[in-house]
N, C-alpha and C. Protein backbone atom coordinates (compact mmCIF):
# COMPACT_ATOMS: atom_id res chain seq x y z
N ASN A 1 172.88 157.05 149.37
CA ASN A 1 173.42 156.78 148.04
C ASN A 1 173.59 155.27 147.84
N ALA A 2 174.09 154.59 148.88
CA ALA A 2 174.27 153.15 148.79
C ALA A 2 172.92 152.43 148.64
N LEU A 3 171.93 152.89 149.37
CA LEU A 3 170.59 152.29 149.26
C LEU A 3 170.02 152.51 147.87
N TYR A 4 170.25 153.72 147.34
CA TYR A 4 169.74 154.02 146.00
C TYR A 4 170.41 153.12 144.95
N GLU A 5 171.70 152.95 145.07
CA GLU A 5 172.42 152.10 144.13
C GLU A 5 171.90 150.67 144.16
N LYS A 6 171.47 150.24 145.32
CA LYS A 6 170.99 148.87 145.44
C LYS A 6 169.52 148.72 145.04
N LEU A 7 168.68 149.69 145.43
CA LEU A 7 167.24 149.54 145.26
C LEU A 7 166.64 150.34 144.11
N LYS A 8 167.33 151.44 143.71
CA LYS A 8 166.81 152.30 142.65
C LYS A 8 165.36 152.72 142.92
N CYS A 9 165.10 153.12 144.15
CA CYS A 9 163.73 153.47 144.54
C CYS A 9 163.62 154.96 144.87
N THR A 10 162.39 155.42 145.06
CA THR A 10 162.16 156.81 145.44
C THR A 10 162.23 156.93 146.96
N PHE A 11 162.92 157.96 147.43
CA PHE A 11 163.03 158.22 148.86
C PHE A 11 162.10 159.36 149.26
N PHE A 12 161.41 159.18 150.37
CA PHE A 12 160.57 160.23 150.95
C PHE A 12 161.19 160.64 152.29
N PHE A 13 161.58 161.91 152.39
CA PHE A 13 162.15 162.43 153.63
C PHE A 13 161.06 163.16 154.40
N VAL A 14 160.71 162.67 155.57
CA VAL A 14 159.72 163.32 156.42
C VAL A 14 160.47 164.17 157.44
N CYS A 15 160.30 165.47 157.36
CA CYS A 15 161.16 166.40 158.12
C CYS A 15 160.48 166.91 159.38
N ALA A 16 161.14 166.67 160.51
CA ALA A 16 160.66 167.22 161.78
C ALA A 16 161.56 168.35 162.25
N ASP A 17 162.57 168.68 161.46
CA ASP A 17 163.51 169.73 161.85
C ASP A 17 164.09 170.35 160.57
N TYR A 18 164.97 171.35 160.75
CA TYR A 18 165.47 172.11 159.62
C TYR A 18 166.79 171.62 159.06
N SER A 19 167.42 170.68 159.73
CA SER A 19 168.79 170.33 159.34
C SER A 19 168.88 169.79 157.92
N VAL A 20 167.79 169.29 157.38
CA VAL A 20 167.82 168.73 156.04
C VAL A 20 168.08 169.80 154.98
N MET A 21 167.88 171.07 155.33
CA MET A 21 168.04 172.11 154.31
C MET A 21 169.30 172.94 154.53
N SER A 22 170.17 172.50 155.45
CA SER A 22 171.33 173.33 155.76
C SER A 22 172.60 172.48 155.77
N GLY A 23 173.66 173.07 156.31
CA GLY A 23 174.92 172.35 156.43
C GLY A 23 174.97 171.44 157.63
N GLY A 24 173.86 171.34 158.34
CA GLY A 24 173.79 170.44 159.47
C GLY A 24 173.28 171.06 160.75
N CYS A 25 173.03 172.37 160.77
CA CYS A 25 172.56 172.98 162.01
C CYS A 25 171.11 172.59 162.30
N ARG A 26 170.81 172.49 163.59
CA ARG A 26 169.47 172.13 163.99
C ARG A 26 168.56 173.35 164.06
N PHE A 27 169.12 174.50 164.39
CA PHE A 27 168.33 175.72 164.54
C PHE A 27 169.01 176.86 163.79
N THR A 28 168.29 177.43 162.89
CA THR A 28 168.91 178.42 162.02
C THR A 28 169.13 179.77 162.70
N ALA A 29 168.36 180.06 163.78
CA ALA A 29 168.50 181.32 164.50
C ALA A 29 168.48 182.49 163.50
N ASP A 30 169.45 183.39 163.59
CA ASP A 30 169.47 184.55 162.69
C ASP A 30 170.37 184.33 161.49
N CYS A 31 170.98 183.16 161.40
CA CYS A 31 171.89 182.88 160.29
C CYS A 31 171.11 182.50 159.04
N ASP A 32 171.42 183.15 157.92
CA ASP A 32 170.72 182.83 156.67
C ASP A 32 171.68 182.28 155.62
N ARG A 33 172.83 181.76 156.06
CA ARG A 33 173.79 181.23 155.10
C ARG A 33 173.32 179.93 154.45
N PHE A 34 172.25 179.33 154.98
CA PHE A 34 171.68 178.17 154.32
C PHE A 34 171.14 178.52 152.93
N LYS A 35 170.94 179.84 152.69
CA LYS A 35 170.44 180.27 151.39
C LYS A 35 171.53 180.26 150.32
N ILE A 36 172.81 180.26 150.74
CA ILE A 36 173.91 180.34 149.77
C ILE A 36 174.89 179.18 149.89
N GLY A 37 174.53 178.16 150.65
CA GLY A 37 175.40 176.99 150.73
C GLY A 37 176.21 176.87 151.98
N CYS A 38 175.81 177.59 153.04
CA CYS A 38 176.50 177.55 154.34
C CYS A 38 177.96 177.99 154.22
N GLY A 39 178.86 177.40 155.03
CA GLY A 39 180.21 177.94 155.14
C GLY A 39 180.22 179.10 156.12
N LYS A 40 181.39 179.43 156.67
CA LYS A 40 181.50 180.47 157.70
C LYS A 40 180.44 180.26 158.78
N CYS A 41 180.35 179.04 159.27
CA CYS A 41 179.29 178.66 160.22
C CYS A 41 179.46 179.39 161.54
N THR A 42 178.45 180.19 161.91
CA THR A 42 178.52 180.96 163.16
C THR A 42 178.46 180.06 164.38
N ALA A 43 177.79 178.90 164.25
CA ALA A 43 177.69 177.98 165.38
C ALA A 43 179.06 177.43 165.77
N TRP A 44 179.99 177.41 164.80
CA TRP A 44 181.32 176.87 165.06
C TRP A 44 182.39 177.97 164.99
N ASN A 45 181.95 179.23 164.98
CA ASN A 45 182.89 180.35 164.90
C ASN A 45 183.86 180.19 163.74
N SER A 46 183.33 179.71 162.63
CA SER A 46 184.18 179.46 161.47
C SER A 46 184.27 180.69 160.57
N ASN A 47 185.47 180.96 160.07
CA ASN A 47 185.68 182.05 159.11
C ASN A 47 185.92 181.54 157.70
N SER A 48 185.91 180.24 157.54
CA SER A 48 186.20 179.64 156.24
C SER A 48 184.92 179.40 155.44
N ILE A 49 184.91 179.90 154.20
CA ILE A 49 183.77 179.67 153.32
C ILE A 49 183.65 178.20 152.95
N ASN A 50 184.78 177.49 153.03
CA ASN A 50 184.79 176.08 152.65
C ASN A 50 184.90 175.15 153.87
N ASP A 51 184.30 175.54 154.97
CA ASP A 51 184.34 174.68 156.14
C ASP A 51 183.44 173.45 155.94
N PHE A 52 183.37 172.60 156.96
CA PHE A 52 182.67 171.33 156.77
C PHE A 52 181.17 171.50 156.52
N THR A 53 180.58 172.65 156.96
CA THR A 53 179.16 172.84 156.70
C THR A 53 178.90 173.04 155.21
N HIS A 54 179.81 173.78 154.55
CA HIS A 54 179.69 173.97 153.10
C HIS A 54 179.94 172.65 152.37
N TRP A 55 180.95 171.91 152.83
CA TRP A 55 181.23 170.60 152.24
C TRP A 55 180.01 169.68 152.37
N ASN A 56 179.37 169.75 153.53
CA ASN A 56 178.20 168.91 153.79
C ASN A 56 177.07 169.22 152.82
N VAL A 57 176.83 170.53 152.58
CA VAL A 57 175.78 170.94 151.64
C VAL A 57 176.07 170.41 150.24
N ILE A 58 177.29 170.62 149.76
CA ILE A 58 177.64 170.20 148.41
C ILE A 58 177.58 168.68 148.27
N TYR A 59 178.08 167.98 149.28
CA TYR A 59 178.05 166.51 149.26
C TYR A 59 176.61 166.00 149.17
N ARG A 60 175.75 166.54 150.02
CA ARG A 60 174.35 166.10 150.01
C ARG A 60 173.62 166.55 148.75
N GLN A 61 173.97 167.75 148.27
CA GLN A 61 173.31 168.23 147.06
C GLN A 61 173.58 167.31 145.88
N ASN A 62 174.82 166.84 145.76
CA ASN A 62 175.16 165.91 144.67
C ASN A 62 174.35 164.62 144.77
N ILE A 63 174.17 164.14 146.00
CA ILE A 63 173.39 162.91 146.17
C ILE A 63 171.91 163.17 145.92
N TYR A 64 171.39 164.31 146.42
CA TYR A 64 169.99 164.64 146.19
C TYR A 64 169.68 164.75 144.70
N GLU A 65 170.61 165.36 143.95
CA GLU A 65 170.42 165.50 142.50
C GLU A 65 170.33 164.12 141.85
N LYS A 66 171.04 163.17 142.41
CA LYS A 66 171.07 161.83 141.84
C LYS A 66 169.84 161.02 142.21
N ILE A 67 169.46 161.03 143.49
CA ILE A 67 168.36 160.16 143.92
C ILE A 67 167.00 160.84 143.82
N LYS A 68 166.99 162.19 143.69
CA LYS A 68 165.76 162.98 143.53
C LYS A 68 164.70 162.60 144.59
N PRO A 69 164.98 162.87 145.86
CA PRO A 69 164.02 162.52 146.91
C PRO A 69 162.82 163.46 146.92
N VAL A 70 161.74 163.03 147.53
CA VAL A 70 160.59 163.88 147.79
C VAL A 70 160.67 164.32 149.24
N ILE A 71 160.72 165.64 149.45
CA ILE A 71 160.84 166.20 150.80
C ILE A 71 159.44 166.53 151.31
N LEU A 72 159.03 165.93 152.41
CA LEU A 72 157.73 166.19 153.00
C LEU A 72 157.90 167.07 154.23
N CYS A 73 157.16 168.18 154.29
CA CYS A 73 157.33 169.12 155.40
C CYS A 73 156.02 169.82 155.69
N ASN A 74 156.03 170.69 156.70
CA ASN A 74 154.84 171.48 157.00
C ASN A 74 154.92 172.86 156.33
N THR A 75 153.83 173.60 156.39
CA THR A 75 153.75 174.89 155.69
C THR A 75 154.80 175.87 156.18
N TYR A 76 155.02 175.92 157.50
CA TYR A 76 155.98 176.85 158.07
C TYR A 76 157.39 176.58 157.54
N MET A 77 157.80 175.31 157.56
CA MET A 77 159.13 174.95 157.08
C MET A 77 159.31 175.33 155.61
N LYS A 78 158.32 175.02 154.81
CA LYS A 78 158.43 175.26 153.37
C LYS A 78 158.58 176.75 153.06
N LYS A 79 157.76 177.57 153.68
CA LYS A 79 157.74 179.00 153.36
C LYS A 79 159.01 179.70 153.82
N PHE A 80 159.44 179.45 155.04
CA PHE A 80 160.51 180.23 155.64
C PHE A 80 161.90 179.61 155.49
N PHE A 81 161.96 178.33 155.14
CA PHE A 81 163.27 177.70 155.09
C PHE A 81 163.49 176.90 153.80
N PHE A 82 162.64 175.94 153.55
CA PHE A 82 162.91 175.02 152.44
C PHE A 82 162.87 175.71 151.09
N ASP A 83 161.95 176.66 150.89
CA ASP A 83 161.87 177.35 149.60
C ASP A 83 163.10 178.21 149.34
N GLU A 84 163.85 178.57 150.39
CA GLU A 84 165.02 179.43 150.24
C GLU A 84 166.33 178.66 150.39
N SER A 85 166.25 177.36 150.56
CA SER A 85 167.44 176.56 150.81
C SER A 85 168.26 176.34 149.54
N PHE A 86 169.56 176.62 149.64
CA PHE A 86 170.47 176.34 148.54
C PHE A 86 170.50 174.84 148.25
N LEU A 87 170.49 174.05 149.29
CA LEU A 87 170.55 172.60 149.14
C LEU A 87 169.34 172.04 148.42
N LEU A 88 168.17 172.62 148.65
CA LEU A 88 166.93 172.05 148.12
C LEU A 88 166.38 172.79 146.90
N LYS A 89 167.21 173.63 146.28
CA LYS A 89 166.68 174.48 145.21
C LYS A 89 166.15 173.68 144.03
N ASN A 90 166.63 172.45 143.83
CA ASN A 90 166.12 171.62 142.74
C ASN A 90 165.35 170.40 143.23
N ALA A 91 165.05 170.41 144.53
CA ALA A 91 164.36 169.25 145.11
C ALA A 91 162.85 169.41 145.02
N ARG A 92 162.15 168.30 145.05
CA ARG A 92 160.70 168.32 145.08
C ARG A 92 160.25 168.39 146.54
N VAL A 93 159.62 169.50 146.92
CA VAL A 93 159.19 169.71 148.29
C VAL A 93 157.66 169.74 148.33
N GLU A 94 157.09 168.90 149.17
CA GLU A 94 155.64 168.79 149.28
C GLU A 94 155.20 169.08 150.72
N VAL A 95 154.08 169.79 150.84
CA VAL A 95 153.50 170.06 152.16
C VAL A 95 152.51 168.95 152.49
N THR A 96 152.62 168.42 153.70
CA THR A 96 151.69 167.38 154.13
C THR A 96 151.00 167.81 155.42
N PRO A 97 149.74 167.45 155.59
CA PRO A 97 149.05 167.74 156.85
C PRO A 97 149.58 166.84 157.96
N PRO A 98 149.40 167.25 159.20
CA PRO A 98 149.83 166.38 160.30
C PRO A 98 149.01 165.09 160.32
N VAL A 99 149.65 164.00 160.64
CA VAL A 99 148.97 162.71 160.71
C VAL A 99 148.88 162.29 162.17
N VAL A 100 147.68 162.12 162.66
CA VAL A 100 147.45 161.76 164.05
C VAL A 100 146.75 160.41 164.12
N ASP A 101 147.28 159.52 164.92
CA ASP A 101 146.67 158.22 165.13
C ASP A 101 145.52 158.38 166.12
N SER A 102 144.29 158.49 165.60
CA SER A 102 143.14 158.74 166.46
C SER A 102 142.76 157.53 167.31
N ASN A 103 143.32 156.36 166.99
CA ASN A 103 143.11 155.20 167.87
C ASN A 103 143.90 155.34 169.16
N LEU A 104 144.97 156.13 169.10
CA LEU A 104 145.82 156.35 170.26
C LEU A 104 145.54 157.69 170.92
N PHE A 105 145.39 158.74 170.10
CA PHE A 105 145.19 160.09 170.62
C PHE A 105 143.72 160.48 170.53
N HIS A 106 143.05 160.33 171.64
CA HIS A 106 141.63 160.69 171.74
C HIS A 106 141.34 161.04 173.19
N PRO A 107 140.27 161.79 173.47
CA PRO A 107 139.97 162.16 174.85
C PRO A 107 139.70 160.93 175.72
N ILE A 108 140.18 161.01 176.96
CA ILE A 108 139.98 159.94 177.93
C ILE A 108 139.27 160.53 179.15
N GLU A 109 138.38 159.75 179.76
CA GLU A 109 137.60 160.22 180.91
C GLU A 109 138.52 160.72 182.02
N LYS A 110 138.31 161.98 182.40
CA LYS A 110 139.22 162.64 183.34
C LYS A 110 139.12 162.06 184.76
N ILE A 111 137.92 161.67 185.18
CA ILE A 111 137.76 161.14 186.54
C ILE A 111 138.59 159.88 186.73
N GLU A 112 138.55 158.99 185.73
CA GLU A 112 139.33 157.76 185.81
C GLU A 112 140.83 158.06 185.85
N LEU A 113 141.26 159.03 185.06
CA LEU A 113 142.67 159.38 185.02
C LEU A 113 143.14 159.99 186.33
N LYS A 114 142.29 160.79 186.96
CA LYS A 114 142.66 161.37 188.25
C LYS A 114 142.91 160.28 189.28
N ASP A 115 142.09 159.26 189.25
CA ASP A 115 142.30 158.13 190.16
C ASP A 115 143.61 157.41 189.83
N LYS A 116 143.85 157.20 188.54
CA LYS A 116 145.04 156.47 188.12
C LYS A 116 146.32 157.18 188.55
N TYR A 117 146.32 158.52 188.46
CA TYR A 117 147.54 159.29 188.77
C TYR A 117 147.48 159.95 190.15
N SER A 118 146.50 159.53 190.97
CA SER A 118 146.38 160.00 192.36
C SER A 118 146.27 161.52 192.45
N ILE A 119 145.48 162.08 191.56
CA ILE A 119 145.20 163.52 191.60
C ILE A 119 143.90 163.73 192.36
N PRO A 120 143.90 164.53 193.41
CA PRO A 120 142.68 164.75 194.19
C PRO A 120 141.52 165.23 193.33
N GLN A 121 140.34 164.72 193.60
CA GLN A 121 139.18 165.08 192.80
C GLN A 121 138.75 166.53 193.01
N ASP A 122 139.21 167.16 194.11
CA ASP A 122 138.85 168.56 194.32
C ASP A 122 139.68 169.52 193.47
N ILE A 123 140.69 168.98 192.77
CA ILE A 123 141.44 169.80 191.80
C ILE A 123 140.53 170.01 190.59
N GLU A 124 140.25 171.25 190.26
CA GLU A 124 139.32 171.56 189.18
C GLU A 124 140.01 172.05 187.91
N PHE A 125 141.27 172.47 188.03
CA PHE A 125 141.95 173.04 186.86
C PHE A 125 143.39 172.56 186.82
N VAL A 126 143.73 171.82 185.78
CA VAL A 126 145.07 171.27 185.63
C VAL A 126 145.78 171.96 184.46
N ILE A 127 146.96 172.52 184.74
CA ILE A 127 147.79 173.15 183.72
C ILE A 127 148.93 172.20 183.38
N GLY A 128 148.91 171.65 182.18
CA GLY A 128 149.94 170.71 181.77
C GLY A 128 151.04 171.40 180.98
N PHE A 129 152.28 170.99 181.22
CA PHE A 129 153.40 171.52 180.45
C PHE A 129 154.52 170.49 180.49
N GLY A 130 155.50 170.66 179.62
CA GLY A 130 156.61 169.73 179.65
C GLY A 130 157.55 169.90 178.47
N SER A 131 158.67 169.22 178.58
CA SER A 131 159.70 169.25 177.56
C SER A 131 160.68 168.14 177.89
N GLN A 132 161.56 167.80 176.95
CA GLN A 132 162.59 166.82 177.27
C GLN A 132 163.41 167.29 178.46
N LYS A 133 163.63 168.59 178.51
CA LYS A 133 164.33 169.21 179.64
C LYS A 133 163.53 170.46 180.00
N VAL A 134 162.69 170.34 181.01
CA VAL A 134 161.68 171.35 181.28
C VAL A 134 162.24 172.75 181.46
N ASP A 135 163.37 172.88 182.16
CA ASP A 135 163.88 174.21 182.44
C ASP A 135 164.90 174.70 181.41
N ASP A 136 164.89 174.14 180.23
CA ASP A 136 165.77 174.60 179.15
C ASP A 136 165.39 176.03 178.77
N PRO A 137 166.30 177.01 178.93
CA PRO A 137 165.96 178.41 178.62
C PRO A 137 165.46 178.59 177.18
N ARG A 138 165.98 177.77 176.28
CA ARG A 138 165.57 177.90 174.87
C ARG A 138 164.08 177.61 174.66
N LYS A 139 163.48 176.89 175.61
CA LYS A 139 162.06 176.55 175.51
C LYS A 139 161.15 177.63 176.09
N GLY A 140 161.73 178.73 176.55
CA GLY A 140 160.91 179.83 177.08
C GLY A 140 160.44 179.62 178.51
N PHE A 141 161.20 178.84 179.27
CA PHE A 141 160.77 178.46 180.61
C PHE A 141 160.57 179.67 181.52
N THR A 142 161.45 180.65 181.45
CA THR A 142 161.34 181.82 182.34
C THR A 142 160.04 182.58 182.10
N TYR A 143 159.58 182.63 180.84
CA TYR A 143 158.31 183.29 180.54
C TYR A 143 157.14 182.53 181.17
N PHE A 144 157.25 181.21 181.16
CA PHE A 144 156.21 180.38 181.75
C PHE A 144 156.11 180.61 183.26
N VAL A 145 157.26 180.68 183.91
CA VAL A 145 157.28 180.93 185.35
C VAL A 145 156.61 182.27 185.66
N ASP A 146 156.96 183.29 184.89
CA ASP A 146 156.36 184.62 185.10
C ASP A 146 154.85 184.59 184.88
N ALA A 147 154.41 183.88 183.86
CA ALA A 147 152.98 183.80 183.56
C ALA A 147 152.21 183.10 184.67
N ILE A 148 152.80 182.02 185.21
CA ILE A 148 152.15 181.28 186.28
C ILE A 148 152.03 182.16 187.54
N LYS A 149 153.08 182.90 187.84
CA LYS A 149 153.04 183.79 189.00
C LYS A 149 152.00 184.90 188.82
N LEU A 150 151.86 185.38 187.59
CA LEU A 150 150.85 186.40 187.30
C LEU A 150 149.44 185.83 187.49
N LEU A 151 149.24 184.60 186.99
CA LEU A 151 147.95 183.94 187.17
C LEU A 151 147.64 183.77 188.66
N TYR A 152 148.63 183.33 189.42
CA TYR A 152 148.45 183.11 190.85
C TYR A 152 148.01 184.39 191.56
N SER A 153 148.61 185.51 191.18
CA SER A 153 148.30 186.79 191.83
C SER A 153 146.88 187.26 191.57
N LYS A 154 146.25 186.74 190.53
CA LYS A 154 144.91 187.19 190.15
C LYS A 154 143.79 186.29 190.69
N LEU A 155 144.17 185.22 191.39
CA LEU A 155 143.18 184.29 191.93
C LEU A 155 143.00 184.49 193.43
N THR A 156 141.82 184.09 193.90
CA THR A 156 141.60 184.09 195.35
C THR A 156 142.29 182.88 195.96
N GLU A 157 142.43 182.87 197.28
CA GLU A 157 143.07 181.74 197.95
C GLU A 157 142.30 180.45 197.70
N GLN A 158 140.98 180.55 197.66
CA GLN A 158 140.15 179.37 197.42
C GLN A 158 140.36 178.85 196.00
N GLU A 159 140.46 179.75 195.03
CA GLU A 159 140.68 179.35 193.64
C GLU A 159 142.06 178.71 193.45
N ARG A 160 143.05 179.23 194.15
CA ARG A 160 144.42 178.71 194.03
C ARG A 160 144.50 177.24 194.45
N LYS A 161 143.70 176.85 195.45
CA LYS A 161 143.72 175.47 195.95
C LYS A 161 143.18 174.48 194.93
N LYS A 162 142.46 174.96 193.95
CA LYS A 162 141.84 174.08 192.95
C LYS A 162 142.69 173.91 191.70
N VAL A 163 143.87 174.56 191.68
CA VAL A 163 144.75 174.53 190.51
C VAL A 163 145.93 173.58 190.77
N LEU A 164 146.28 172.80 189.75
CA LEU A 164 147.44 171.92 189.84
C LEU A 164 148.30 172.08 188.59
N LEU A 165 149.61 172.22 188.78
CA LEU A 165 150.55 172.18 187.67
C LEU A 165 150.98 170.74 187.47
N LEU A 166 150.88 170.26 186.23
CA LEU A 166 151.23 168.88 185.91
C LEU A 166 152.30 168.88 184.83
N SER A 167 153.47 168.31 185.14
CA SER A 167 154.58 168.39 184.18
C SER A 167 155.07 167.00 183.78
N ILE A 168 155.65 166.93 182.59
CA ILE A 168 156.35 165.74 182.12
C ILE A 168 157.71 166.17 181.60
N GLY A 169 158.67 165.26 181.63
CA GLY A 169 160.01 165.58 181.16
C GLY A 169 161.03 165.48 182.28
N LYS A 170 162.22 166.00 182.04
CA LYS A 170 163.31 165.93 183.01
C LYS A 170 163.39 167.23 183.82
N ASN A 171 164.02 167.13 184.97
CA ASN A 171 164.35 168.28 185.83
C ASN A 171 163.15 168.87 186.57
N GLU A 172 162.00 168.14 186.59
CA GLU A 172 160.83 168.72 187.26
C GLU A 172 161.05 168.98 188.74
N GLU A 173 161.69 168.02 189.41
CA GLU A 173 161.87 168.18 190.85
C GLU A 173 162.66 169.43 191.19
N ARG A 174 163.56 169.81 190.29
CA ARG A 174 164.41 170.97 190.53
C ARG A 174 163.64 172.28 190.41
N ILE A 175 162.52 172.26 189.72
CA ILE A 175 161.81 173.52 189.46
C ILE A 175 160.57 173.70 190.32
N LYS A 176 160.24 172.71 191.11
CA LYS A 176 159.01 172.80 191.91
C LYS A 176 158.96 174.06 192.76
N SER A 177 160.07 174.43 193.34
CA SER A 177 160.10 175.57 194.26
C SER A 177 159.89 176.91 193.56
N MET A 178 159.94 176.90 192.23
CA MET A 178 159.78 178.15 191.48
C MET A 178 158.31 178.54 191.31
N PHE A 179 157.40 177.60 191.61
CA PHE A 179 155.98 177.84 191.34
C PHE A 179 155.19 177.96 192.64
N PRO A 180 154.21 178.86 192.67
CA PRO A 180 153.37 179.03 193.87
C PRO A 180 152.26 177.98 193.97
N PHE A 181 151.85 177.38 192.85
CA PHE A 181 150.79 176.39 192.86
C PHE A 181 151.32 175.00 193.27
N LYS A 182 150.39 174.14 193.68
CA LYS A 182 150.74 172.73 193.85
C LYS A 182 151.20 172.18 192.51
N MET A 183 152.17 171.27 192.56
CA MET A 183 152.72 170.74 191.31
C MET A 183 152.96 169.24 191.44
N MET A 184 152.67 168.52 190.36
CA MET A 184 152.93 167.10 190.30
C MET A 184 153.81 166.82 189.09
N CYS A 185 154.85 166.01 189.27
CA CYS A 185 155.78 165.69 188.20
C CYS A 185 155.60 164.23 187.80
N LEU A 186 155.31 163.99 186.54
CA LEU A 186 155.12 162.63 186.05
C LEU A 186 156.38 162.06 185.43
N GLY A 187 157.42 162.88 185.29
CA GLY A 187 158.67 162.40 184.70
C GLY A 187 158.52 162.05 183.23
N TYR A 188 159.36 161.14 182.79
CA TYR A 188 159.28 160.72 181.39
C TYR A 188 157.98 159.96 181.16
N MET A 189 157.25 160.31 180.11
CA MET A 189 156.01 159.63 179.78
C MET A 189 156.14 159.03 178.38
N PRO A 190 155.99 157.72 178.24
CA PRO A 190 156.11 157.09 176.93
C PRO A 190 155.05 157.59 175.96
N PHE A 191 155.36 157.48 174.70
CA PHE A 191 154.51 158.03 173.63
C PHE A 191 153.08 157.54 173.74
N ASP A 192 152.90 156.25 174.04
CA ASP A 192 151.54 155.70 174.04
C ASP A 192 150.73 156.12 175.27
N LYS A 193 151.35 156.89 176.20
CA LYS A 193 150.63 157.39 177.36
C LYS A 193 150.39 158.90 177.29
N LEU A 194 150.90 159.54 176.26
CA LEU A 194 150.77 161.00 176.16
C LEU A 194 149.31 161.45 176.09
N SER A 195 148.44 160.64 175.49
CA SER A 195 147.04 161.03 175.40
C SER A 195 146.41 161.14 176.79
N GLU A 196 146.93 160.38 177.76
CA GLU A 196 146.43 160.49 179.13
C GLU A 196 146.86 161.82 179.74
N PHE A 197 148.09 162.20 179.48
CA PHE A 197 148.58 163.49 179.98
C PHE A 197 147.76 164.64 179.39
N TYR A 198 147.53 164.61 178.09
CA TYR A 198 146.75 165.68 177.45
C TYR A 198 145.31 165.70 177.96
N SER A 199 144.75 164.52 178.20
CA SER A 199 143.37 164.45 178.67
C SER A 199 143.24 164.96 180.11
N LEU A 200 144.28 164.76 180.91
CA LEU A 200 144.28 165.27 182.27
C LEU A 200 144.35 166.79 182.31
N SER A 201 144.97 167.39 181.31
CA SER A 201 145.23 168.83 181.31
C SER A 201 144.03 169.59 180.77
N ASP A 202 143.58 170.58 181.54
CA ASP A 202 142.55 171.50 181.04
C ASP A 202 143.17 172.49 180.07
N VAL A 203 144.44 172.83 180.32
CA VAL A 203 145.21 173.69 179.43
C VAL A 203 146.59 173.06 179.28
N PHE A 204 147.06 172.95 178.04
CA PHE A 204 148.43 172.51 177.80
C PHE A 204 149.24 173.70 177.30
N VAL A 205 150.31 174.01 178.01
CA VAL A 205 151.15 175.16 177.65
C VAL A 205 152.36 174.66 176.87
N CYS A 206 152.49 175.11 175.62
CA CYS A 206 153.59 174.71 174.76
C CYS A 206 154.63 175.82 174.72
């Protein structure tokens, strides 16, 4: 609001999460109170219709009505959340395609990368995975462990030796013992190096 008062310009909100359409929650889960203005927030065990989540919606709605921002989102967000949001019912919502910097994200020669990261050349199949916190249950980690064990059971001993699990993120060292395959942990990887991680991976598991 202060920026608008000073600049009188159009604001473009690029949304990577859902909080812009609710009382502040990051994950809507099974709660659909964002459709009616929040309040009685289940995340905070609130029984009050006028709790801070409802106040937050009304406060932001008044400002949105004033500055009339353009909300940029993906198709999934628009269909399942933004189109039903009480907060955004009068907002201009536009769907935008993903923008990828192809100067940064492009295939890189795998042989060179294997040398750079000390991956044996006899490894023929690399399974890449990762998260800010790899073993976060919310990310489906237990399903991944089960899937890897199932894959392992279906391979011969010779085939198993050619597979490597490659992870990025936190807590990798703690989870190594959960997997039957050889595993390498790269830890935190800066944004400008992610294309190397993807290029190393024959399969990336999200």
